[in-house]
Amino acid sequence: QVQLEESGGGLVQAGGSLRLSCAASGFSGGAGRLNHMAWFRQAPGKQRELVAVITAADYINYADSVKGRFFISRENAKDTVYLQMNSLKPEDTAVYYCYANYFRGLAPNLEVWGQGTLVTVSS
């Protein structure tokens, strides 16, 4: 079964950069065929929102608020997805969650969430 573990969060000043990573286990362990992986974030008292998504075919999409600043990538050999965050703003402060979606044939798609990593951007 797939498990996701995020890392790389921390405290940075506005204008700085952070790189988040999400290590996945079980991609080849019978969970199904990977459809896409994504990063979400949730600020206190706010709804969880999609930040960036990358499909198994490496199609990429970003939230308008992070376009040009954040970059998502995936590495099959290491079963890892990354989020490079540049020019960080205080409004980027949130818990960031890794997400993976798998096709399972006639069964519903499998959705897996990481436990989250906190990113705090000071002004």
C-alpha atoms as a PDB file:
ATOM      1  CA  GLN A   1       0.000   0.000   0.000  1.00  0.00           C
ATOM      2  CA  VAL A   2       1.229   3.495  -0.863  1.00  0.00           C
ATOM      3  CA  GLN A   3       2.505   5.790   1.862  1.00  0.00           C
ATOM      4  CA  LEU A   4       3.659   9.395   1.442  1.00  0.00           C
ATOM      5  CA  GLU A   5       6.102  11.286   3.641  1.00  0.00           C
ATOM      6  CA  GLU A   6       6.749  15.011   3.195  1.00  0.00           C
ATOM      7  CA  SER A   7       9.847  16.902   4.259  1.00  0.00           C
ATOM      8  CA  GLY A   8      11.551  20.244   3.694  1.00  0.00           C
ATOM      9  CA  GLY A   9       9.210  22.625   5.467  1.00  0.00           C
ATOM     10  CA  GLY A  10      10.459  25.300   7.797  1.00  0.00           C
ATOM     11  CA  LEU A  11      10.670  29.006   8.576  1.00  0.00           C
ATOM     12  CA  VAL A  12      11.930  31.382   5.898  1.00  0.00           C
ATOM     13  CA  GLN A  13      11.899  35.105   5.258  1.00  0.00           C
ATOM     14  CA  ALA A  14       9.796  36.651   2.526  1.00  0.00           C
ATOM     15  CA  GLY A  15      11.600  36.390  -0.782  1.00  0.00           C
ATOM     16  CA  GLY A  16      13.391  33.223   0.215  1.00  0.00           C
ATOM     17  CA  SER A  17      13.110  29.701  -1.123  1.00  0.00           C
ATOM     18  CA  LEU A  18      12.283  26.237   0.119  1.00  0.00           C
ATOM     19  CA  ARG A  19      12.202  22.853  -1.550  1.00  0.00           C
ATOM     20  CA  LEU A  20       9.650  20.327  -0.383  1.00  0.00           C
ATOM     21  CA  SER A  21       9.972  16.651  -1.097  1.00  0.00           C
ATOM     22  CA  CYS A  22       7.503  13.810  -0.849  1.00  0.00           C
ATOM     23  CA  ALA A  23       8.843  10.288  -0.733  1.00  0.00           C
ATOM     24  CA  ALA A  24       6.379   7.631  -1.814  1.00  0.00           C
ATOM     25  CA  SER A  25       6.560   3.944  -1.073  1.00  0.00           C
ATOM     26  CA  GLY A  26       4.457   1.292  -2.739  1.00  0.00           C
ATOM     27  CA  PHE A  27       4.204   2.724  -6.249  1.00  0.00           C
ATOM     28  CA  SER A  28       5.196  -0.680  -7.602  1.00  0.00           C
ATOM     29  CA  GLY A  29       3.574  -2.650  -4.817  1.00  0.00           C
ATOM     30  CA  GLY A  30       0.180  -3.282  -6.382  1.00  0.00           C
ATOM     31  CA  ALA A  31      -1.603  -0.064  -5.453  1.00  0.00           C
ATOM     32  CA  GLY A  32      -2.477   0.514  -9.083  1.00  0.00           C
ATOM     33  CA  ARG A  33      -1.314   2.763 -11.880  1.00  0.00           C
ATOM     34  CA  LEU A  34      -0.283   6.272 -10.941  1.00  0.00           C
ATOM     35  CA  ASN A  35      -2.541   8.966 -12.388  1.00  0.00           C
ATOM     36  CA  HIS A  36      -1.026  12.054 -10.804  1.00  0.00           C
ATOM     37  CA  MET A  37       0.643  13.532  -7.761  1.00  0.00           C
ATOM     38  CA  ALA A  38       0.020  16.953  -6.318  1.00  0.00           C
ATOM     39  CA  TRP A  39       0.752  19.418  -3.587  1.00  0.00           C
ATOM     40  CA  PHE A  40      -2.037  20.990  -1.567  1.00  0.00           C
ATOM     41  CA  ARG A  41      -1.824  23.532   1.212  1.00  0.00           C
ATOM     42  CA  GLN A  42      -4.044  24.609   4.053  1.00  0.00           C
ATOM     43  CA  ALA A  43      -3.679  27.759   6.111  1.00  0.00           C
ATOM     44  CA  PRO A  44      -5.286  28.011   9.567  1.00  0.00           C
ATOM     45  CA  GLY A  45      -9.025  28.508   9.240  1.00  0.00           C
ATOM     46  CA  LYS A  46      -8.887  28.153   5.466  1.00  0.00           C
ATOM     47  CA  GLN A  47      -9.985  25.480   3.013  1.00  0.00           C
ATOM     48  CA  ARG A  48      -7.370  23.154   1.616  1.00  0.00           C
ATOM     49  CA  GLU A  49      -6.373  24.272  -1.872  1.00  0.00           C
ATOM     50  CA  LEU A  50      -4.509  22.752  -4.788  1.00  0.00           C
ATOM     51  CA  VAL A  51      -1.063  24.244  -5.355  1.00  0.00           C
ATOM     52  CA  ALA A  52       0.392  22.164  -8.167  1.00  0.00           C
ATOM     53  CA  VAL A  53      -0.239  18.859  -9.916  1.00  0.00           C
ATOM     54  CA  ILE A  54       1.895  16.618 -12.099  1.00  0.00           C
ATOM     55  CA  THR A  55       0.479  13.632 -13.973  1.00  0.00           C
ATOM     56  CA  ALA A  56       2.109  10.324 -14.811  1.00  0.00           C
ATOM     57  CA  ALA A  57       2.644  11.767 -18.295  1.00  0.00           C
ATOM     58  CA  ASP A  58       4.338  14.818 -16.708  1.00  0.00           C
ATOM     59  CA  TYR A  59       1.549  17.226 -17.515  1.00  0.00           C
ATOM     60  CA  ILE A  60       1.783  20.089 -15.012  1.00  0.00           C
ATOM     61  CA  ASN A  61      -0.633  22.700 -13.752  1.00  0.00           C
ATOM     62  CA  TYR A  62      -0.310  25.373 -11.062  1.00  0.00           C
ATOM     63  CA  ALA A  63      -2.588  27.539  -9.025  1.00  0.00           C
ATOM     64  CA  ASP A  64      -2.595  31.098 -10.330  1.00  0.00           C
ATOM     65  CA  SER A  65      -1.217  32.365  -7.030  1.00  0.00           C
ATOM     66  CA  VAL A  66       2.029  30.414  -7.410  1.00  0.00           C
ATOM     67  CA  LYS A  67       2.636  30.466 -11.166  1.00  0.00           C
ATOM     68  CA  GLY A  68       6.140  31.603 -11.963  1.00  0.00           C
ATOM     69  CA  ARG A  69       7.286  31.057  -8.385  1.00  0.00           C
ATOM     70  CA  PHE A  70       6.643  27.389  -7.593  1.00  0.00           C
ATOM     71  CA  PHE A  71       7.785  24.417  -9.657  1.00  0.00           C
ATOM     72  CA  ILE A  72       6.690  20.802  -9.307  1.00  0.00           C
ATOM     73  CA  SER A  73       8.704  17.842 -10.535  1.00  0.00           C
ATOM     74  CA  ARG A  74       8.658  14.078 -10.220  1.00  0.00           C
ATOM     75  CA  GLU A  75      11.361  11.435 -10.198  1.00  0.00           C
ATOM     76  CA  ASN A  76      10.247   7.867 -10.838  1.00  0.00           C
ATOM     77  CA  ALA A  77      13.536   6.265  -9.877  1.00  0.00           C
ATOM     78  CA  LYS A  78      13.254   7.678  -6.363  1.00  0.00           C
ATOM     79  CA  ASP A  79       9.444   7.594  -6.115  1.00  0.00           C
ATOM     80  CA  THR A  80       9.573  11.224  -5.127  1.00  0.00           C
ATOM     81  CA  VAL A  81       7.755  14.428  -6.007  1.00  0.00           C
ATOM     82  CA  TYR A  82       9.241  17.856  -5.317  1.00  0.00           C
ATOM     83  CA  LEU A  83       7.954  21.378  -4.930  1.00  0.00           C
ATOM     84  CA  GLN A  84      10.521  24.127  -5.427  1.00  0.00           C
ATOM     85  CA  MET A  85       9.157  27.314  -3.893  1.00  0.00           C
ATOM     86  CA  ASN A  86      10.804  30.621  -4.771  1.00  0.00           C
ATOM     87  CA  SER A  87      10.020  34.249  -3.972  1.00  0.00           C
ATOM     88  CA  LEU A  88       7.992  33.142  -0.986  1.00  0.00           C
ATOM     89  CA  LYS A  89       5.358  35.453   0.441  1.00  0.00           C
ATOM     90  CA  PRO A  90       3.744  35.527   3.885  1.00  0.00           C
ATOM     91  CA  GLU A  91       0.486  34.385   2.290  1.00  0.00           C
ATOM     92  CA  ASP A  92       2.238  31.153   1.310  1.00  0.00           C
ATOM     93  CA  THR A  93       2.313  30.176   4.985  1.00  0.00           C
ATOM     94  CA  ALA A  94       0.432  26.907   5.366  1.00  0.00           C
ATOM     95  CA  VAL A  95       0.720  23.212   5.985  1.00  0.00           C
ATOM     96  CA  TYR A  96       1.644  21.614   2.687  1.00  0.00           C
ATOM     97  CA  TYR A  97       0.328  18.140   1.879  1.00  0.00           C
ATOM     98  CA  CYS A  98       1.529  15.676  -0.700  1.00  0.00           C
ATOM     99  CA  TYR A  99      -1.162  13.754  -2.589  1.00  0.00           C
ATOM    100  CA  ALA A 100      -1.154  10.796  -4.949  1.00  0.00           C
ATOM    101  CA  ASN A 101      -3.940   9.337  -7.061  1.00  0.00           C
ATOM    102  CA  TYR A 102      -3.933   5.831  -8.524  1.00  0.00           C
ATOM    103  CA  PHE A 103      -6.093   4.093 -11.114  1.00  0.00           C
ATOM    104  CA  ARG A 104      -7.372   0.721  -9.899  1.00  0.00           C
ATOM    105  CA  GLY A 105      -9.420  -0.564 -12.802  1.00  0.00           C
ATOM    106  CA  LEU A 106     -13.062  -1.081 -11.870  1.00  0.00           C
ATOM    107  CA  ALA A 107     -12.453  -0.060  -8.269  1.00  0.00           C
ATOM    108  CA  PRO A 108     -12.553   3.595  -7.212  1.00  0.00           C
ATOM    109  CA  ASN A 109      -9.296   5.460  -7.615  1.00  0.00           C
ATOM    110  CA  LEU A 110      -6.970   5.281  -4.645  1.00  0.00           C
ATOM    111  CA  GLU A 111      -6.182   8.606  -2.991  1.00  0.00           C
ATOM    112  CA  VAL A 112      -3.251   8.878  -0.599  1.00  0.00           C
ATOM    113  CA  TRP A 113      -2.276  11.854   1.542  1.00  0.00           C
ATOM    114  CA  GLY A 114       0.909  12.674   3.364  1.00  0.00           C
ATOM    115  CA  GLN A 115       0.854  13.940   6.933  1.00  0.00           C
ATOM    116  CA  GLY A 116       1.845  17.486   5.973  1.00  0.00           C
ATOM    117  CA  THR A 117       4.855  19.733   6.447  1.00  0.00           C
ATOM    118  CA  LEU A 118       4.625  23.273   7.820  1.00  0.00           C
ATOM    119  CA  VAL A 119       5.919  26.216   5.799  1.00  0.00           C
ATOM    120  CA  THR A 120       6.080  29.564   7.585  1.00  0.00           C
ATOM    121  CA  VAL A 121       7.087  32.717   5.711  1.00  0.00           C
ATOM    122  CA  SER A 122       7.900  35.745   7.831  1.00  0.00           C
ATOM    123  CA  SER A 123       7.606  39.336   6.653  1.00  0.00           C
END
